[in-house]
Structures are given as structure tokens and as C-alpha cells.
Amino acid sequence: QSFGAFATRGISLELEGEANDYVGKGLSGARLSIYPFANVTYVPEQNIIIGNVALYGATSGELFARGQAGERFAVRNSGATAVVEGLGDHGCEYMTGGEVLVIGDTGSNFAAGMSGGVAWVYDTKGSFPNKCNKEMVDLDPLNEEDEMRISILLKKHIKLTGSKLAEFILNDWTTQSRHFIKVFPKEYKAVLLKRSTKIIIS
């Protein structure tokens, strides 16, 4: 329970095994990497490795989980970066900042009340748009900047967790990159657009 909660900048915590609920609660700059035991016989990306409400109220830091998370992943996240291989319902709920890369399935009601930050979802089945709460977010294709950022995060995920799924995606990037969807809050997008228009004018 509460692995890495409130951990601060300069701390790196590595866990071989599984964690319960509230992983990285209030994360404040630390890096958490979680991966299964080397001798497991199951496929990591098809199984849950961390519980519910991970990264609740996180302000900064990183989480890399080789496996799926439970429900309410990154709820009220305001600045942390995360890579996870699938998650349950209500992912990125009330998120105001940070980055979440999901290289797997999500549950329903994703991005409900999400007003800031960005999420990228790897959707090979084409089912994600029906699982996303689109009231406050747009679903966009990746731009060049997104592709570069995802690539960096996948490389880091491989280095820290040994993820075979991330390896597969990177090795077949031209094809697999087409399956990614960018989840971008409408208001945040409008602010960025306004800001870039001002810069162009000035």
C-alpha cells in the first residue's frame, strides 16, 4: 500500500514484484519503476501489477510500470509523468498536468474532468474512443513532437523495466505509431493556440 507515496526529487525506487493501491500518491519528484519477477510465467502487459488510485495528487516525478494498473490511475495528477501497460476505469480523472502514456487497453470513462496535461493511448483494437469521456478533451492524431516524446518515454520504460511490449512498439514504430491517440484537454489546447498566435503576431 502507498509504495513511493510523497517521495521527493533525488529518490529512485525500484520494485521487483507487485504493489497495492496508492502507488506514488502525492509523488513529488522521485522516480518509481515497477516490474514483475524475472521467473513469472504470465505475460506482464496482460496482468495487473499495481492497484487502484496510483499517482493520486502527484505533482512531479516519474512512474514506469511493466504491467497494468487498476482504476482511477493518475487521478488529480498535476505534473508527474507515467508509462503503464493498461489500466482500469476512470483513468486520468480530474488530471490538471503531467503526461500519461498508456501502451495497452483502458477501462471506461477515461479523462473525465481532465483539464490539463496530456495522455497518449496505444489503441490497437480501435475501441478507445468509445471508452473516453470526451466532454473536456479532444482525441487527436500524433504530431512530430508527440512521436519524439513517446519514443523517449518508451526507451526509458525499456531501460527501467525491461518491457517487451515497449520494445515491440519501438522496433515496428512506423506501423505501431498509427495506433496511438492523443488525449488533449480542449481548454488547455485553446490556451496553447492563443499563446502561439500571440508569438507569431509579435
N, C-alpha and C. Protein backbone atom coordinates (compact mmCIF):
# COMPACT_ATOMS: atom_id res chain seq x y z
N GLN A 1 0.84 -1.20 0.00
CA GLN A 1 0.00 0.00 0.00
C GLN A 1 0.87 1.26 0.00
N SER A 2 0.54 2.23 -0.88
CA SER A 2 1.21 3.54 -0.91
C SER A 2 2.72 3.46 -1.17
N PHE A 3 3.13 2.55 -2.04
CA PHE A 3 4.55 2.46 -2.41
C PHE A 3 5.00 3.78 -3.06
N GLY A 4 6.05 4.36 -2.53
CA GLY A 4 6.61 5.59 -3.10
C GLY A 4 5.78 6.84 -2.84
N ALA A 5 4.85 6.77 -1.91
CA ALA A 5 4.00 7.95 -1.63
C ALA A 5 4.84 9.13 -1.16
N PHE A 6 4.56 10.29 -1.72
CA PHE A 6 5.20 11.57 -1.36
C PHE A 6 6.72 11.56 -1.56
N ALA A 7 7.26 10.59 -2.29
CA ALA A 7 8.72 10.52 -2.49
C ALA A 7 9.20 11.73 -3.29
N THR A 8 10.33 12.28 -2.86
CA THR A 8 10.80 13.56 -3.41
C THR A 8 11.93 13.40 -4.42
N ARG A 9 12.24 14.50 -5.05
CA ARG A 9 13.29 14.59 -6.07
C ARG A 9 14.61 14.01 -5.53
N GLY A 10 15.30 13.26 -6.39
CA GLY A 10 16.57 12.66 -5.98
C GLY A 10 16.44 11.22 -5.52
N ILE A 11 15.20 10.78 -5.29
CA ILE A 11 14.96 9.39 -4.85
C ILE A 11 14.52 8.55 -6.05
N SER A 12 15.13 7.37 -6.20
CA SER A 12 14.69 6.40 -7.21
C SER A 12 14.34 5.10 -6.49
N LEU A 13 13.11 4.66 -6.64
CA LEU A 13 12.67 3.41 -6.00
C LEU A 13 12.35 2.38 -7.08
N GLU A 14 12.92 1.20 -6.91
CA GLU A 14 12.73 0.12 -7.88
C GLU A 14 12.08 -1.06 -7.16
N LEU A 15 11.01 -1.58 -7.74
CA LEU A 15 10.30 -2.69 -7.10
C LEU A 15 10.17 -3.86 -8.07
N GLU A 16 10.71 -5.01 -7.67
CA GLU A 16 10.51 -6.24 -8.43
C GLU A 16 9.39 -7.00 -7.73
N GLY A 17 8.26 -7.10 -8.39
CA GLY A 17 7.09 -7.71 -7.77
C GLY A 17 5.85 -6.89 -8.05
N GLU A 18 4.94 -6.82 -7.10
CA GLU A 18 3.68 -6.10 -7.31
C GLU A 18 3.47 -5.08 -6.20
N ALA A 19 2.66 -4.06 -6.49
CA ALA A 19 2.33 -3.06 -5.48
C ALA A 19 0.81 -2.93 -5.38
N ASN A 20 0.34 -2.49 -4.21
CA ASN A 20 -1.08 -2.37 -3.95
C ASN A 20 -1.60 -0.99 -4.38
N ASP A 21 -2.63 -0.50 -3.73
CA ASP A 21 -3.23 0.79 -4.09
C ASP A 21 -2.33 1.97 -3.70
N TYR A 22 -2.64 3.12 -4.30
CA TYR A 22 -1.99 4.40 -3.98
C TYR A 22 -0.49 4.44 -4.26
N VAL A 23 -0.02 3.73 -5.26
CA VAL A 23 1.39 3.84 -5.67
C VAL A 23 1.66 5.29 -6.09
N GLY A 24 2.73 5.87 -5.57
CA GLY A 24 3.11 7.23 -5.97
C GLY A 24 2.13 8.30 -5.57
N LYS A 25 1.33 8.05 -4.54
CA LYS A 25 0.38 9.08 -4.07
C LYS A 25 1.18 10.33 -3.67
N GLY A 26 0.77 11.48 -4.18
CA GLY A 26 1.45 12.73 -3.85
C GLY A 26 2.91 12.75 -4.28
N LEU A 27 3.25 11.97 -5.31
CA LEU A 27 4.64 11.89 -5.79
C LEU A 27 5.20 13.29 -6.04
N SER A 28 6.40 13.54 -5.49
CA SER A 28 6.94 14.90 -5.54
C SER A 28 8.36 14.94 -6.11
N GLY A 29 8.55 14.27 -7.24
CA GLY A 29 9.83 14.37 -7.92
C GLY A 29 10.63 13.08 -8.03
N ALA A 30 10.26 12.05 -7.29
CA ALA A 30 11.01 10.78 -7.33
C ALA A 30 10.68 9.98 -8.59
N ARG A 31 11.51 8.97 -8.85
CA ARG A 31 11.25 8.05 -9.95
C ARG A 31 10.93 6.67 -9.39
N LEU A 32 9.80 6.10 -9.83
CA LEU A 32 9.38 4.76 -9.40
C LEU A 32 9.38 3.83 -10.61
N SER A 33 10.03 2.69 -10.49
CA SER A 33 9.95 1.69 -11.56
C SER A 33 9.55 0.35 -10.96
N ILE A 34 8.53 -0.25 -11.57
CA ILE A 34 7.94 -1.48 -11.03
C ILE A 34 7.83 -2.52 -12.15
N TYR A 35 8.32 -3.71 -11.88
CA TYR A 35 8.29 -4.76 -12.89
C TYR A 35 8.16 -6.12 -12.21
N PRO A 36 7.63 -7.13 -12.92
CA PRO A 36 7.41 -8.44 -12.28
C PRO A 36 8.71 -9.21 -12.07
N PHE A 37 8.63 -10.24 -11.24
CA PHE A 37 9.79 -11.12 -11.03
C PHE A 37 10.22 -11.73 -12.36
N ALA A 38 11.51 -11.97 -12.50
CA ALA A 38 12.07 -12.47 -13.76
C ALA A 38 11.51 -13.84 -14.16
N ASN A 39 11.11 -14.64 -13.18
CA ASN A 39 10.68 -16.02 -13.48
C ASN A 39 9.16 -16.18 -13.66
N VAL A 40 8.43 -15.07 -13.83
CA VAL A 40 6.96 -15.21 -13.98
C VAL A 40 6.62 -15.92 -15.29
N THR A 41 5.54 -16.68 -15.27
CA THR A 41 5.14 -17.42 -16.47
C THR A 41 4.04 -16.71 -17.25
N TYR A 42 3.48 -15.64 -16.66
CA TYR A 42 2.41 -14.90 -17.35
C TYR A 42 3.00 -13.77 -18.21
N VAL A 43 2.15 -13.20 -19.06
CA VAL A 43 2.55 -12.07 -19.91
C VAL A 43 2.31 -10.78 -19.12
N PRO A 44 3.37 -10.03 -18.78
CA PRO A 44 3.23 -8.85 -17.91
C PRO A 44 2.17 -7.84 -18.36
N GLU A 45 2.14 -7.53 -19.66
CA GLU A 45 1.20 -6.49 -20.12
C GLU A 45 -0.26 -6.93 -20.08
N GLN A 46 -0.49 -8.21 -19.82
CA GLN A 46 -1.87 -8.71 -19.72
C GLN A 46 -2.32 -8.86 -18.26
N ASN A 47 -1.47 -8.45 -17.34
CA ASN A 47 -1.77 -8.63 -15.92
C ASN A 47 -1.56 -7.35 -15.11
N ILE A 48 -2.31 -7.23 -14.02
CA ILE A 48 -2.21 -6.05 -13.17
C ILE A 48 -0.98 -6.15 -12.27
N ILE A 49 -0.20 -5.07 -12.23
CA ILE A 49 0.99 -5.04 -11.38
C ILE A 49 0.88 -4.01 -10.25
N ILE A 50 0.03 -2.99 -10.45
CA ILE A 50 -0.20 -2.02 -9.37
C ILE A 50 -1.71 -1.81 -9.19
N GLY A 51 -2.10 -1.46 -7.97
CA GLY A 51 -3.53 -1.35 -7.63
C GLY A 51 -4.21 -0.08 -8.10
N ASN A 52 -5.24 0.31 -7.38
CA ASN A 52 -6.05 1.47 -7.74
C ASN A 52 -5.43 2.79 -7.27
N VAL A 53 -5.88 3.88 -7.89
CA VAL A 53 -5.58 5.26 -7.48
C VAL A 53 -4.07 5.54 -7.41
N ALA A 54 -3.31 5.01 -8.36
CA ALA A 54 -1.88 5.33 -8.43
C ALA A 54 -1.71 6.79 -8.85
N LEU A 55 -0.67 7.42 -8.35
CA LEU A 55 -0.34 8.82 -8.67
C LEU A 55 -1.42 9.81 -8.25
N TYR A 56 -2.19 9.47 -7.26
CA TYR A 56 -3.22 10.40 -6.78
C TYR A 56 -2.57 11.69 -6.29
N GLY A 57 -2.93 12.80 -6.90
CA GLY A 57 -2.42 14.10 -6.47
C GLY A 57 -0.92 14.28 -6.66
N ALA A 58 -0.31 13.51 -7.56
CA ALA A 58 1.13 13.65 -7.81
C ALA A 58 1.43 15.02 -8.43
N THR A 59 2.55 15.61 -8.03
CA THR A 59 2.90 16.95 -8.55
C THR A 59 4.09 16.91 -9.50
N SER A 60 4.97 15.94 -9.35
CA SER A 60 6.12 15.78 -10.25
C SER A 60 6.72 14.40 -10.03
N GLY A 61 7.67 14.04 -10.88
CA GLY A 61 8.29 12.72 -10.77
C GLY A 61 7.86 11.81 -11.90
N GLU A 62 8.29 10.54 -11.83
CA GLU A 62 8.04 9.58 -12.90
C GLU A 62 7.64 8.21 -12.35
N LEU A 63 6.77 7.55 -13.09
CA LEU A 63 6.38 6.18 -12.75
C LEU A 63 6.41 5.32 -14.01
N PHE A 64 7.14 4.22 -13.93
CA PHE A 64 7.20 3.27 -15.04
C PHE A 64 6.75 1.91 -14.52
N ALA A 65 5.64 1.40 -15.04
CA ALA A 65 5.10 0.13 -14.55
C ALA A 65 4.96 -0.86 -15.70
N ARG A 66 5.67 -1.98 -15.58
CA ARG A 66 5.58 -3.02 -16.60
C ARG A 66 4.42 -3.96 -16.25
N GLY A 67 3.26 -3.60 -16.75
CA GLY A 67 2.03 -4.30 -16.42
C GLY A 67 0.90 -3.28 -16.32
N GLN A 68 -0.27 -3.74 -15.96
CA GLN A 68 -1.44 -2.87 -15.92
C GLN A 68 -1.67 -2.28 -14.53
N ALA A 69 -2.39 -1.16 -14.51
CA ALA A 69 -2.79 -0.53 -13.25
C ALA A 69 -4.29 -0.75 -13.05
N GLY A 70 -4.75 -0.56 -11.82
CA GLY A 70 -6.18 -0.69 -11.51
C GLY A 70 -6.95 0.55 -11.94
N GLU A 71 -7.98 0.88 -11.18
CA GLU A 71 -8.85 2.02 -11.53
C GLU A 71 -8.29 3.34 -11.01
N ARG A 72 -8.84 4.42 -11.59
CA ARG A 72 -8.51 5.80 -11.20
C ARG A 72 -7.00 6.07 -11.23
N PHE A 73 -6.35 5.62 -12.28
CA PHE A 73 -4.92 5.87 -12.45
C PHE A 73 -4.68 7.35 -12.74
N ALA A 74 -3.74 7.95 -12.02
CA ALA A 74 -3.34 9.36 -12.21
C ALA A 74 -4.48 10.35 -11.92
N VAL A 75 -5.40 9.97 -11.04
CA VAL A 75 -6.47 10.90 -10.66
C VAL A 75 -5.85 12.11 -9.95
N ARG A 76 -6.25 13.28 -10.39
CA ARG A 76 -5.72 14.55 -9.86
C ARG A 76 -4.21 14.69 -10.01
N ASN A 77 -3.64 14.00 -10.98
CA ASN A 77 -2.22 14.21 -11.29
C ASN A 77 -2.04 15.63 -11.81
N SER A 78 -1.04 16.33 -11.28
CA SER A 78 -0.85 17.71 -11.73
C SER A 78 0.54 17.96 -12.31
N GLY A 79 1.34 16.89 -12.48
CA GLY A 79 2.67 17.16 -13.03
C GLY A 79 3.58 15.96 -13.21
N ALA A 80 3.16 14.78 -12.80
CA ALA A 80 4.01 13.59 -12.93
C ALA A 80 3.90 12.98 -14.33
N THR A 81 4.92 12.24 -14.72
CA THR A 81 4.96 11.52 -15.99
C THR A 81 4.85 10.03 -15.70
N ALA A 82 4.03 9.32 -16.48
CA ALA A 82 3.85 7.89 -16.23
C ALA A 82 3.78 7.09 -17.52
N VAL A 83 4.33 5.88 -17.46
CA VAL A 83 4.15 4.90 -18.53
C VAL A 83 3.58 3.64 -17.88
N VAL A 84 2.47 3.16 -18.43
CA VAL A 84 1.80 1.98 -17.87
C VAL A 84 1.26 1.15 -19.04
N GLU A 85 1.05 -0.15 -18.84
CA GLU A 85 0.72 -1.04 -19.96
C GLU A 85 -0.76 -1.43 -20.00
N GLY A 86 -1.60 -0.54 -19.50
CA GLY A 86 -3.04 -0.76 -19.46
C GLY A 86 -3.58 -0.30 -18.12
N LEU A 87 -4.87 0.00 -18.05
CA LEU A 87 -5.45 0.45 -16.78
C LEU A 87 -6.96 0.25 -16.76
N GLY A 88 -7.54 0.39 -15.56
CA GLY A 88 -8.98 0.20 -15.38
C GLY A 88 -9.78 1.46 -15.66
N ASP A 89 -10.98 1.53 -15.10
CA ASP A 89 -11.89 2.66 -15.35
C ASP A 89 -11.37 3.97 -14.73
N HIS A 90 -11.88 5.07 -15.26
CA HIS A 90 -11.64 6.43 -14.74
C HIS A 90 -10.17 6.86 -14.76
N GLY A 91 -9.42 6.42 -15.74
CA GLY A 91 -8.02 6.84 -15.87
C GLY A 91 -7.91 8.33 -16.14
N CYS A 92 -6.89 8.97 -15.57
CA CYS A 92 -6.61 10.41 -15.77
C CYS A 92 -7.78 11.31 -15.37
N GLU A 93 -8.57 10.87 -14.43
CA GLU A 93 -9.72 11.63 -13.96
C GLU A 93 -9.24 12.90 -13.24
N TYR A 94 -9.84 14.03 -13.57
CA TYR A 94 -9.50 15.33 -12.95
C TYR A 94 -8.01 15.67 -13.05
N MET A 95 -7.35 15.17 -14.05
CA MET A 95 -5.92 15.47 -14.22
C MET A 95 -5.75 16.92 -14.67
N THR A 96 -4.76 17.61 -14.10
CA THR A 96 -4.55 19.02 -14.44
C THR A 96 -3.18 19.28 -15.05
N GLY A 97 -2.31 18.28 -15.05
CA GLY A 97 -0.98 18.45 -15.61
C GLY A 97 -0.25 17.12 -15.67
N GLY A 98 0.91 17.13 -16.31
CA GLY A 98 1.70 15.90 -16.42
C GLY A 98 1.45 15.16 -17.72
N GLU A 99 2.04 13.97 -17.82
CA GLU A 99 1.95 13.15 -19.04
C GLU A 99 1.66 11.70 -18.65
N VAL A 100 0.76 11.08 -19.38
CA VAL A 100 0.47 9.66 -19.14
C VAL A 100 0.50 8.93 -20.48
N LEU A 101 1.36 7.93 -20.57
CA LEU A 101 1.45 7.10 -21.77
C LEU A 101 0.93 5.71 -21.43
N VAL A 102 -0.17 5.33 -22.10
CA VAL A 102 -0.79 4.01 -21.85
C VAL A 102 -0.55 3.13 -23.07
N ILE A 103 0.29 2.11 -22.90
CA ILE A 103 0.54 1.22 -24.06
C ILE A 103 -0.27 -0.07 -23.88
N GLY A 104 -1.58 0.12 -23.81
CA GLY A 104 -2.49 -1.01 -23.62
C GLY A 104 -3.91 -0.52 -23.51
N ASP A 105 -4.80 -1.40 -23.13
CA ASP A 105 -6.23 -1.07 -23.02
C ASP A 105 -6.51 -0.17 -21.82
N THR A 106 -7.58 0.59 -21.94
CA THR A 106 -8.08 1.37 -20.80
C THR A 106 -9.48 0.88 -20.47
N GLY A 107 -9.93 1.22 -19.26
CA GLY A 107 -11.32 0.97 -18.91
C GLY A 107 -12.18 2.12 -19.44
N SER A 108 -13.39 2.23 -18.94
CA SER A 108 -14.30 3.28 -19.40
C SER A 108 -14.08 4.59 -18.65
N ASN A 109 -14.71 5.64 -19.17
CA ASN A 109 -14.71 6.98 -18.54
C ASN A 109 -13.31 7.57 -18.40
N PHE A 110 -12.45 7.29 -19.35
CA PHE A 110 -11.09 7.84 -19.35
C PHE A 110 -11.17 9.35 -19.57
N ALA A 111 -10.35 10.09 -18.84
CA ALA A 111 -10.21 11.55 -18.99
C ALA A 111 -11.42 12.37 -18.51
N ALA A 112 -12.26 11.80 -17.67
CA ALA A 112 -13.39 12.57 -17.13
C ALA A 112 -12.86 13.73 -16.28
N GLY A 113 -13.25 14.94 -16.62
CA GLY A 113 -12.82 16.11 -15.85
C GLY A 113 -11.36 16.47 -16.05
N MET A 114 -10.73 15.95 -17.09
CA MET A 114 -9.31 16.23 -17.34
C MET A 114 -9.17 17.62 -17.97
N SER A 115 -8.47 18.52 -17.27
CA SER A 115 -8.38 19.90 -17.75
C SER A 115 -6.98 20.32 -18.17
N GLY A 116 -5.98 19.47 -17.90
CA GLY A 116 -4.61 19.82 -18.25
C GLY A 116 -3.76 18.59 -18.44
N GLY A 117 -2.53 18.82 -18.90
CA GLY A 117 -1.63 17.70 -19.18
C GLY A 117 -1.98 17.03 -20.49
N VAL A 118 -1.39 15.88 -20.74
CA VAL A 118 -1.64 15.16 -21.98
C VAL A 118 -1.55 13.66 -21.72
N ALA A 119 -2.33 12.90 -22.48
CA ALA A 119 -2.23 11.43 -22.42
C ALA A 119 -2.14 10.90 -23.84
N TRP A 120 -1.40 9.82 -23.98
CA TRP A 120 -1.33 9.12 -25.27
C TRP A 120 -1.73 7.67 -25.02
N VAL A 121 -2.61 7.16 -25.86
CA VAL A 121 -3.12 5.79 -25.66
C VAL A 121 -2.86 4.95 -26.90
N TYR A 122 -2.28 3.78 -26.69
CA TYR A 122 -1.98 2.82 -27.76
C TYR A 122 -3.21 1.94 -27.93
N ASP A 123 -3.92 2.17 -29.05
CA ASP A 123 -5.25 1.57 -29.23
C ASP A 123 -5.27 0.67 -30.46
N THR A 124 -4.79 -0.55 -30.32
CA THR A 124 -4.72 -1.46 -31.48
C THR A 124 -6.08 -2.00 -31.89
N LYS A 125 -7.04 -1.98 -30.95
CA LYS A 125 -8.37 -2.54 -31.24
C LYS A 125 -9.35 -1.51 -31.79
N GLY A 126 -8.99 -0.23 -31.71
CA GLY A 126 -9.89 0.83 -32.17
C GLY A 126 -11.07 1.06 -31.25
N SER A 127 -10.96 0.61 -29.99
CA SER A 127 -12.09 0.72 -29.06
C SER A 127 -12.00 1.92 -28.12
N PHE A 128 -10.84 2.59 -28.10
CA PHE A 128 -10.64 3.64 -27.11
C PHE A 128 -11.63 4.81 -27.21
N PRO A 129 -11.94 5.33 -28.42
CA PRO A 129 -12.86 6.48 -28.49
C PRO A 129 -14.19 6.25 -27.75
N ASN A 130 -14.66 5.01 -27.72
CA ASN A 130 -15.90 4.70 -27.00
C ASN A 130 -15.72 4.61 -25.49
N LYS A 131 -14.49 4.50 -25.04
CA LYS A 131 -14.21 4.39 -23.60
C LYS A 131 -13.83 5.73 -22.99
N CYS A 132 -13.59 6.70 -23.85
CA CYS A 132 -13.11 8.01 -23.38
C CYS A 132 -14.28 8.96 -23.14
N ASN A 133 -14.22 9.71 -22.05
CA ASN A 133 -15.21 10.75 -21.76
C ASN A 133 -14.74 12.02 -22.49
N LYS A 134 -15.39 12.34 -23.60
CA LYS A 134 -14.89 13.41 -24.48
C LYS A 134 -15.47 14.79 -24.16
N GLU A 135 -16.08 14.93 -23.01
CA GLU A 135 -16.69 16.21 -22.63
C GLU A 135 -15.66 17.34 -22.57
N MET A 136 -14.46 17.04 -22.04
CA MET A 136 -13.45 18.08 -21.85
C MET A 136 -12.18 17.88 -22.67
N VAL A 137 -12.14 16.80 -23.46
CA VAL A 137 -10.91 16.52 -24.22
C VAL A 137 -11.20 16.26 -25.70
N ASP A 138 -10.18 16.50 -26.51
CA ASP A 138 -10.21 16.12 -27.92
C ASP A 138 -9.34 14.89 -28.11
N LEU A 139 -9.68 14.08 -29.10
CA LEU A 139 -8.84 12.95 -29.47
C LEU A 139 -8.17 13.29 -30.80
N ASP A 140 -6.86 13.43 -30.76
CA ASP A 140 -6.10 13.90 -31.92
C ASP A 140 -5.08 12.87 -32.37
N PRO A 141 -4.67 12.95 -33.66
CA PRO A 141 -3.53 12.12 -34.09
C PRO A 141 -2.24 12.70 -33.52
N LEU A 142 -1.18 11.93 -33.53
CA LEU A 142 0.11 12.41 -33.02
C LEU A 142 0.72 13.42 -33.98
N ASN A 143 1.40 14.43 -33.42
CA ASN A 143 2.25 15.27 -34.25
C ASN A 143 3.70 14.83 -34.03
N GLU A 144 4.62 15.50 -34.70
CA GLU A 144 6.04 15.10 -34.64
C GLU A 144 6.59 15.17 -33.21
N GLU A 145 6.18 16.20 -32.50
CA GLU A 145 6.61 16.40 -31.11
C GLU A 145 6.13 15.24 -30.22
N ASP A 146 4.87 14.83 -30.43
CA ASP A 146 4.32 13.70 -29.67
C ASP A 146 5.13 12.43 -29.93
N GLU A 147 5.42 12.19 -31.21
CA GLU A 147 6.15 10.98 -31.58
C GLU A 147 7.52 10.93 -30.91
N MET A 148 8.19 12.08 -30.90
CA MET A 148 9.51 12.15 -30.27
C MET A 148 9.42 11.88 -28.77
N ARG A 149 8.42 12.47 -28.14
CA ARG A 149 8.26 12.32 -26.68
C ARG A 149 7.91 10.87 -26.32
N ILE A 150 6.99 10.27 -27.08
CA ILE A 150 6.61 8.87 -26.83
C ILE A 150 7.82 7.95 -26.99
N SER A 151 8.61 8.21 -28.03
CA SER A 151 9.81 7.42 -28.29
C SER A 151 10.78 7.48 -27.11
N ILE A 152 10.99 8.67 -26.57
CA ILE A 152 11.87 8.86 -25.40
C ILE A 152 11.34 8.08 -24.20
N LEU A 153 10.02 8.20 -23.97
CA LEU A 153 9.41 7.51 -22.81
C LEU A 153 9.47 5.99 -22.95
N LEU A 154 9.27 5.49 -24.17
CA LEU A 154 9.34 4.04 -24.39
C LEU A 154 10.75 3.51 -24.15
N LYS A 155 11.75 4.27 -24.60
CA LYS A 155 13.15 3.86 -24.39
C LYS A 155 13.47 3.81 -22.89
N LYS A 156 12.98 4.80 -22.17
CA LYS A 156 13.20 4.86 -20.73
C LYS A 156 12.48 3.69 -20.04
N HIS A 157 11.28 3.40 -20.51
CA HIS A 157 10.47 2.30 -19.96
C HIS A 157 11.20 0.96 -20.14
N ILE A 158 11.79 0.76 -21.30
CA ILE A 158 12.55 -0.47 -21.58
C ILE A 158 13.76 -0.57 -20.64
N LYS A 159 14.47 0.55 -20.53
CA LYS A 159 15.69 0.58 -19.70
C LYS A 159 15.38 0.27 -18.22
N LEU A 160 14.27 0.81 -17.73
CA LEU A 160 13.95 0.69 -16.30
C LEU A 160 13.16 -0.57 -15.94
N THR A 161 12.39 -1.10 -16.90
CA THR A 161 11.52 -2.25 -16.56
C THR A 161 11.74 -3.48 -17.44
N GLY A 162 12.49 -3.32 -18.54
CA GLY A 162 12.69 -4.45 -19.45
C GLY A 162 11.46 -4.80 -20.26
N SER A 163 10.58 -3.84 -20.48
CA SER A 163 9.30 -4.09 -21.16
C SER A 163 9.47 -4.61 -22.59
N LYS A 164 8.93 -5.79 -22.84
CA LYS A 164 8.96 -6.38 -24.19
C LYS A 164 7.94 -5.70 -25.10
N LEU A 165 6.84 -5.25 -24.53
CA LEU A 165 5.82 -4.57 -25.32
C LEU A 165 6.36 -3.25 -25.87
N ALA A 166 7.02 -2.47 -25.01
CA ALA A 166 7.61 -1.20 -25.46
C ALA A 166 8.66 -1.46 -26.54
N GLU A 167 9.41 -2.53 -26.37
CA GLU A 167 10.43 -2.92 -27.35
C GLU A 167 9.80 -3.23 -28.70
N PHE A 168 8.70 -3.99 -28.67
CA PHE A 168 7.98 -4.34 -29.89
C PHE A 168 7.47 -3.09 -30.61
N ILE A 169 6.89 -2.16 -29.86
CA ILE A 169 6.35 -0.93 -30.45
C ILE A 169 7.45 -0.11 -31.12
N LEU A 170 8.57 0.04 -30.41
CA LEU A 170 9.69 0.83 -30.96
C LEU A 170 10.30 0.18 -32.19
N ASN A 171 10.43 -1.14 -32.16
CA ASN A 171 11.04 -1.86 -33.29
C ASN A 171 10.18 -1.83 -34.55
N ASP A 172 8.89 -1.59 -34.37
CA ASP A 172 7.97 -1.52 -35.52
C ASP A 172 7.25 -0.16 -35.51
N TRP A 173 8.01 0.88 -35.21
CA TRP A 173 7.43 2.20 -34.94
C TRP A 173 6.58 2.75 -36.08
N THR A 174 7.03 2.60 -37.31
CA THR A 174 6.29 3.15 -38.46
C THR A 174 4.85 2.64 -38.49
N THR A 175 4.67 1.37 -38.22
CA THR A 175 3.32 0.78 -38.20
C THR A 175 2.61 1.04 -36.88
N GLN A 176 3.29 0.79 -35.77
CA GLN A 176 2.64 0.86 -34.46
C GLN A 176 2.27 2.29 -34.04
N SER A 177 3.02 3.27 -34.52
CA SER A 177 2.73 4.67 -34.15
C SER A 177 1.35 5.11 -34.63
N ARG A 178 0.83 4.44 -35.65
CA ARG A 178 -0.51 4.77 -36.18
C ARG A 178 -1.63 4.41 -35.20
N HIS A 179 -1.32 3.56 -34.25
CA HIS A 179 -2.34 3.12 -33.28
C HIS A 179 -2.47 4.06 -32.08
N PHE A 180 -1.61 5.07 -32.01
CA PHE A 180 -1.66 5.98 -30.86
C PHE A 180 -2.68 7.10 -31.05
N ILE A 181 -3.35 7.44 -29.97
CA ILE A 181 -4.30 8.55 -29.95
C ILE A 181 -3.85 9.53 -28.88
N LYS A 182 -3.85 10.80 -29.22
CA LYS A 182 -3.50 11.84 -28.24
C LYS A 182 -4.78 12.34 -27.58
N VAL A 183 -4.77 12.36 -26.26
CA VAL A 183 -5.91 12.87 -25.48
C VAL A 183 -5.50 14.23 -24.93
N PHE A 184 -6.16 15.27 -25.43
CA PHE A 184 -5.72 16.63 -25.16
C PHE A 184 -6.89 17.49 -24.66
N PRO A 185 -6.79 18.05 -23.46
CA PRO A 185 -7.88 18.88 -22.93
C PRO A 185 -8.18 20.08 -23.84
N LYS A 186 -9.45 20.32 -24.11
CA LYS A 186 -9.86 21.39 -25.03
C LYS A 186 -9.40 22.77 -24.57
N GLU A 187 -9.61 23.07 -23.29
CA GLU A 187 -9.24 24.39 -22.77
C GLU A 187 -7.74 24.62 -22.84
N TYR A 188 -6.99 23.60 -22.47
CA TYR A 188 -5.53 23.68 -22.49
C TYR A 188 -5.04 23.90 -23.91
N LYS A 189 -5.66 23.21 -24.86
CA LYS A 189 -5.31 23.35 -26.27
C LYS A 189 -5.58 24.78 -26.75
N ALA A 190 -6.72 25.34 -26.32
CA ALA A 190 -7.09 26.71 -26.70
C ALA A 190 -6.09 27.73 -26.17
N VAL A 191 -5.64 27.51 -24.93
CA VAL A 191 -4.64 28.41 -24.31
C VAL A 191 -3.33 28.36 -25.09
N LEU A 192 -2.88 27.15 -25.44
CA LEU A 192 -1.63 27.00 -26.19
C LEU A 192 -1.73 27.63 -27.57
N LEU A 193 -2.89 27.47 -28.19
CA LEU A 193 -3.12 28.04 -29.52
C LEU A 193 -3.08 29.56 -29.47
N LYS A 194 -3.71 30.12 -28.44
CA LYS A 194 -3.73 31.57 -28.24
C LYS A 194 -2.31 32.10 -28.03
N ARG A 195 -1.55 31.35 -27.22
CA ARG A 195 -0.18 31.74 -26.91
C ARG A 195 0.69 31.72 -28.16
N SER A 196 0.56 30.67 -28.98
CA SER A 196 1.38 30.57 -30.19
C SER A 196 0.97 31.62 -31.22
N THR A 197 -0.33 31.96 -31.26
CA THR A 197 -0.80 33.02 -32.16
C THR A 197 -0.20 34.37 -31.76
N LYS A 198 -0.15 34.63 -30.45
CA LYS A 198 0.45 35.87 -29.94
C LYS A 198 1.91 35.98 -30.33
N ILE A 199 2.64 34.86 -30.22
CA ILE A 199 4.07 34.84 -30.56
C ILE A 199 4.26 35.14 -32.04
N ILE A 200 3.43 34.52 -32.88
CA ILE A 200 3.51 34.74 -34.33
C ILE A 200 3.24 36.21 -34.67
N ILE A 201 2.22 36.78 -34.03
CA ILE A 201 1.85 38.18 -34.28
C ILE A 201 2.98 39.13 -33.85
N SER A 202 3.52 38.89 -32.65
CA SER A 202 4.57 39.77 -32.15
C SER A 202 5.90 39.55 -32.89
